[in-house]
Amino acid sequence: MKKIMSLSLIVITALCFNACLGSSSSRAAKDSKETQDNSYNRSKKASYENKLRYSTFAPFMYDGKFYAYYSLSYTPSNPDKKGYSEAVLKNGPRAGETVRSKDIIYKTKAARASDLQKGQVVLVNHWNPEVQDENARIDIWRKGIVYNLDEIDEGKVMLEFPHDQNDFMATKETYLLQNIRLIVKPILKDPRNFID
C-alpha cells in the first residue's frame, strides 16, 4: 500500500510540475504575442490625440460668446468676406450639422505643465480620462482661463470661466491636465479688461 501511495504521489507531483511549465510557457507566448500586436497598433490614447490634433473645433451652442460650447468639426471652409466659415460638426448633440461661425478654433495641442501660464486661454473637456468607460466619453469643450497652477505637480489646473468682459468674479473649477488643450490658432486673449 505504501508503494502505491508513494508512486501515486510521485505521478501527481510530476503532473503538477508539467502543468506549471505548460502554463508559464503559454503565458510567455501570450505576452510575446501581445507585445508584438501592440507594436503595430496604436493605443487608444494615441489615436484619440491624433483625432483631436487633426480636427478643428466649432461652436454648437452660444456662438460668438466666450462661454460657447465646442465640438470637433471637419476642416472648415475658407472665411467669406464677413469672416464667417462653415464647418460640419463631427460629434456632440448636433453631430452632422453644418454651422456658420467666426469663432472656429483651427489648431490645438495637448497641454503640458511647462506650456501653461496664468491668464492663458485654453480649451477644456469635462470627460475624466482616468475612467476608462468609452460610453462616458463626452467630447464637449469650452474655453477657460488658467487661474492657478499650484497643483500642477499633481496634474491639476484651476481654470476660470468668465461670462463677459465685466465678469471679474468668474466661476473657478479644477481640471486634470489631460483634459486641457492649448489653442494654437487663433491666439485668444482674456476677454476682460483689467486695469494694470
Protein backbone atom coordinates (compact mmCIF):
# COMPACT_ATOMS: atom_id res chain seq x y z
CA MET A 1 0.00 0.00 0.00
CA LYS A 2 2.87 2.35 0.83
CA LYS A 3 4.41 1.70 -2.60
CA ILE A 4 1.14 2.59 -4.35
CA MET A 5 0.74 5.80 -2.30
CA SER A 6 4.31 6.93 -2.92
CA LEU A 7 4.04 6.06 -6.64
CA SER A 8 0.76 7.98 -6.98
CA LEU A 9 2.32 10.92 -5.07
CA ILE A 10 5.26 10.96 -7.50
CA VAL A 11 2.90 10.81 -10.50
CA ILE A 12 0.71 13.65 -9.15
CA THR A 13 3.79 15.78 -8.43
CA ALA A 14 5.13 15.17 -11.94
CA LEU A 15 1.74 16.11 -13.48
CA CYS A 16 1.56 19.33 -11.43
CA PHE A 17 5.12 20.24 -12.41
CA ASN A 18 4.35 19.69 -16.12
CA ALA A 19 1.13 21.71 -15.83
CA CYS A 20 3.03 24.62 -14.27
CA LEU A 21 5.67 24.53 -17.01
CA GLY A 22 2.98 24.43 -19.69
CA SER A 23 1.04 27.38 -18.25
CA SER A 24 4.15 29.56 -17.86
CA SER A 25 5.27 28.83 -21.42
CA SER A 26 1.78 29.60 -22.77
CA ARG A 27 1.70 32.79 -20.67
CA ALA A 28 5.11 33.81 -22.05
CA ALA A 29 3.90 33.08 -25.59
CA LYS A 30 0.74 35.14 -24.94
CA ASP A 31 2.78 38.08 -23.52
CA SER A 32 5.10 37.92 -26.53
CA LYS A 33 2.11 37.97 -28.92
CA GLU A 34 0.53 40.95 -27.09
CA THR A 35 3.82 42.87 -27.26
CA GLN A 36 4.10 42.10 -30.95
CA ASP A 37 0.47 43.13 -31.58
CA ASN A 38 0.88 46.36 -29.58
CA SER A 39 3.92 47.34 -31.62
CA TYR A 40 1.69 47.51 -34.69
CA ASN A 41 -1.41 49.00 -33.05
CA ARG A 42 -1.64 52.46 -31.57
CA SER A 43 -3.03 52.83 -28.12
CA LYS A 44 -6.49 54.32 -27.65
CA LYS A 45 -4.92 57.39 -26.07
CA ALA A 46 -2.62 57.99 -29.06
CA SER A 47 -5.43 57.53 -31.59
CA TYR A 48 -7.66 59.88 -29.57
CA GLU A 49 -4.88 62.50 -29.51
CA ASN A 50 -4.47 62.22 -33.29
CA LYS A 51 -8.22 62.65 -33.69
CA LEU A 52 -8.04 65.89 -31.69
CA ARG A 53 -4.84 67.14 -33.31
CA TYR A 54 -6.26 66.93 -36.83
CA SER A 55 -9.72 68.29 -36.02
CA THR A 56 -10.98 71.81 -35.71
CA PHE A 57 -13.40 72.92 -33.01
CA ALA A 58 -16.63 74.71 -33.92
CA PRO A 59 -19.22 76.14 -31.51
CA PHE A 60 -22.57 74.38 -31.37
CA MET A 61 -24.06 76.49 -28.57
CA TYR A 62 -23.65 80.17 -27.56
CA ASP A 63 -21.80 81.04 -30.78
CA GLY A 64 -19.83 84.29 -30.51
CA LYS A 65 -19.68 84.20 -26.70
CA PHE A 66 -16.58 83.40 -24.66
CA TYR A 67 -18.51 80.67 -22.85
CA ALA A 68 -19.52 78.89 -26.09
CA TYR A 69 -19.56 75.08 -26.16
CA TYR A 70 -17.48 73.42 -28.90
CA SER A 71 -17.41 70.05 -30.55
CA LEU A 72 -15.00 68.53 -33.04
CA SER A 73 -15.58 69.54 -36.65
CA TYR A 74 -14.27 68.74 -40.09
CA THR A 75 -11.92 71.26 -41.72
CA PRO A 76 -14.00 74.36 -42.31
CA SER A 77 -14.39 76.36 -45.50
CA ASN A 78 -12.32 79.48 -46.05
CA PRO A 79 -13.83 82.55 -44.38
CA ASP A 80 -16.15 84.69 -46.50
CA LYS A 81 -15.91 88.49 -46.76
CA LYS A 82 -17.57 88.91 -43.35
CA GLY A 83 -15.22 86.40 -41.65
CA TYR A 84 -17.69 83.50 -41.35
CA SER A 85 -16.65 79.91 -42.08
CA GLU A 86 -18.84 76.84 -42.41
CA ALA A 87 -17.91 73.64 -40.60
CA VAL A 88 -19.62 70.26 -40.21
CA LEU A 89 -19.75 69.03 -36.60
CA LYS A 90 -18.26 65.55 -36.04
CA ASN A 91 -19.81 64.78 -32.66
CA GLY A 92 -21.83 66.16 -29.80
CA PRO A 93 -25.55 66.84 -29.68
CA ARG A 94 -25.57 68.41 -33.15
CA ALA A 95 -23.30 65.92 -34.95
CA GLY A 96 -23.59 66.08 -38.73
CA GLU A 97 -24.97 69.64 -38.78
CA THR A 98 -23.27 72.48 -40.61
CA VAL A 99 -22.59 75.61 -38.54
CA ARG A 100 -21.59 79.06 -39.76
CA SER A 101 -19.34 80.94 -37.34
CA LYS A 102 -16.45 83.37 -36.90
CA ASP A 103 -15.46 81.55 -33.72
CA ILE A 104 -13.76 78.41 -35.08
CA ILE A 105 -10.62 77.10 -33.39
CA TYR A 106 -8.33 75.77 -36.13
CA LYS A 107 -5.42 74.22 -34.27
CA THR A 108 -4.81 72.90 -30.76
CA LYS A 109 -2.28 70.71 -28.99
CA ALA A 110 -2.19 68.73 -25.76
CA ALA A 111 -1.19 70.88 -22.80
CA ARG A 112 1.96 70.17 -20.84
CA ALA A 113 2.73 71.69 -17.47
CA SER A 114 5.61 73.73 -18.91
CA ASP A 115 3.31 75.29 -21.55
CA LEU A 116 0.76 76.75 -19.15
CA GLN A 117 0.86 80.21 -17.64
CA LYS A 118 -1.60 82.25 -15.65
CA GLY A 119 -4.07 84.23 -17.81
CA GLN A 120 -3.74 81.92 -20.83
CA VAL A 121 -6.92 80.93 -22.72
CA VAL A 122 -7.23 77.15 -23.18
CA LEU A 123 -9.84 74.56 -24.22
CA VAL A 124 -11.08 72.12 -21.58
CA ASN A 125 -13.10 68.92 -21.74
CA HIS A 126 -15.20 67.61 -18.86
CA TRP A 127 -14.54 63.91 -19.51
CA ASN A 128 -12.34 62.21 -16.92
CA PRO A 129 -9.62 60.24 -18.78
CA GLU A 130 -8.93 58.15 -15.67
CA VAL A 131 -12.34 56.49 -16.08
CA GLN A 132 -11.91 54.03 -18.94
CA ASP A 133 -15.56 53.93 -19.93
CA GLU A 134 -15.95 54.82 -23.60
CA ASN A 135 -19.69 55.41 -23.09
CA ALA A 136 -18.88 58.17 -20.59
CA ARG A 137 -16.58 60.00 -23.02
CA ILE A 138 -18.06 63.38 -23.84
CA ASP A 139 -16.25 65.49 -26.41
CA ILE A 140 -17.79 68.81 -25.43
CA TRP A 141 -15.25 71.56 -24.96
CA ARG A 142 -15.28 75.14 -23.70
CA LYS A 143 -12.77 77.92 -23.27
CA GLY A 144 -11.29 78.68 -19.89
CA ILE A 145 -8.53 80.87 -18.49
CA VAL A 146 -5.66 79.44 -16.45
CA TYR A 147 -6.13 80.87 -12.96
CA ASN A 148 -3.91 78.85 -10.62
CA LEU A 149 -1.04 76.41 -11.18
CA ASP A 150 -0.37 75.48 -7.53
CA GLU A 151 -1.39 71.82 -8.05
CA ILE A 152 0.33 71.35 -11.43
CA ASP A 153 2.72 68.77 -9.92
CA GLU A 154 -0.35 66.63 -9.13
CA GLY A 155 -1.64 67.08 -12.69
CA LYS A 156 -4.38 69.58 -11.77
CA VAL A 157 -5.03 73.11 -13.03
CA MET A 158 -7.57 75.65 -11.76
CA LEU A 159 -9.42 77.45 -14.56
CA GLU A 160 -11.69 80.49 -14.60
CA PHE A 161 -14.82 80.75 -16.76
CA PRO A 162 -15.87 84.40 -17.24
CA HIS A 163 -19.17 85.14 -18.98
CA ASP A 164 -18.37 88.58 -20.36
CA GLN A 165 -15.85 91.44 -20.20
CA ASN A 166 -17.20 92.62 -16.84
CA ASP A 167 -17.17 89.24 -15.07
CA PHE A 168 -14.36 89.69 -12.52
CA MET A 169 -15.78 87.08 -10.11
CA ALA A 170 -15.83 84.23 -12.64
CA THR A 171 -16.52 80.60 -11.75
CA LYS A 172 -13.36 78.65 -10.88
CA GLU A 173 -13.02 74.89 -11.34
CA THR A 174 -10.09 72.46 -11.12
CA TYR A 175 -9.40 70.08 -14.03
CA LEU A 176 -6.91 67.34 -14.83
CA LEU A 177 -4.07 68.41 -17.10
CA GLN A 178 -5.07 65.67 -19.59
CA ASN A 179 -8.37 67.49 -20.17
CA ILE A 180 -6.73 70.73 -21.28
CA ARG A 181 -5.64 71.70 -24.82
CA LEU A 182 -3.63 74.73 -25.82
CA ILE A 183 -5.21 76.89 -28.51
CA VAL A 184 -2.53 77.42 -31.16
CA LYS A 185 -4.61 79.09 -33.88
CA PRO A 186 -6.14 81.63 -33.44
CA ILE A 187 -4.37 83.16 -30.45
CA LEU A 188 -7.05 84.18 -27.93
CA LYS A 189 -6.84 86.61 -25.03
CA ASP A 190 -8.79 87.03 -21.81
CA PRO A 191 -11.98 88.95 -22.77
CA ARG A 192 -11.89 91.00 -19.56
CA ASN A 193 -10.31 94.43 -19.38
CA PHE A 194 -8.05 94.57 -16.36
CA ILE A 195 -6.53 97.84 -15.22
CA ASP A 196 -2.76 97.50 -14.80
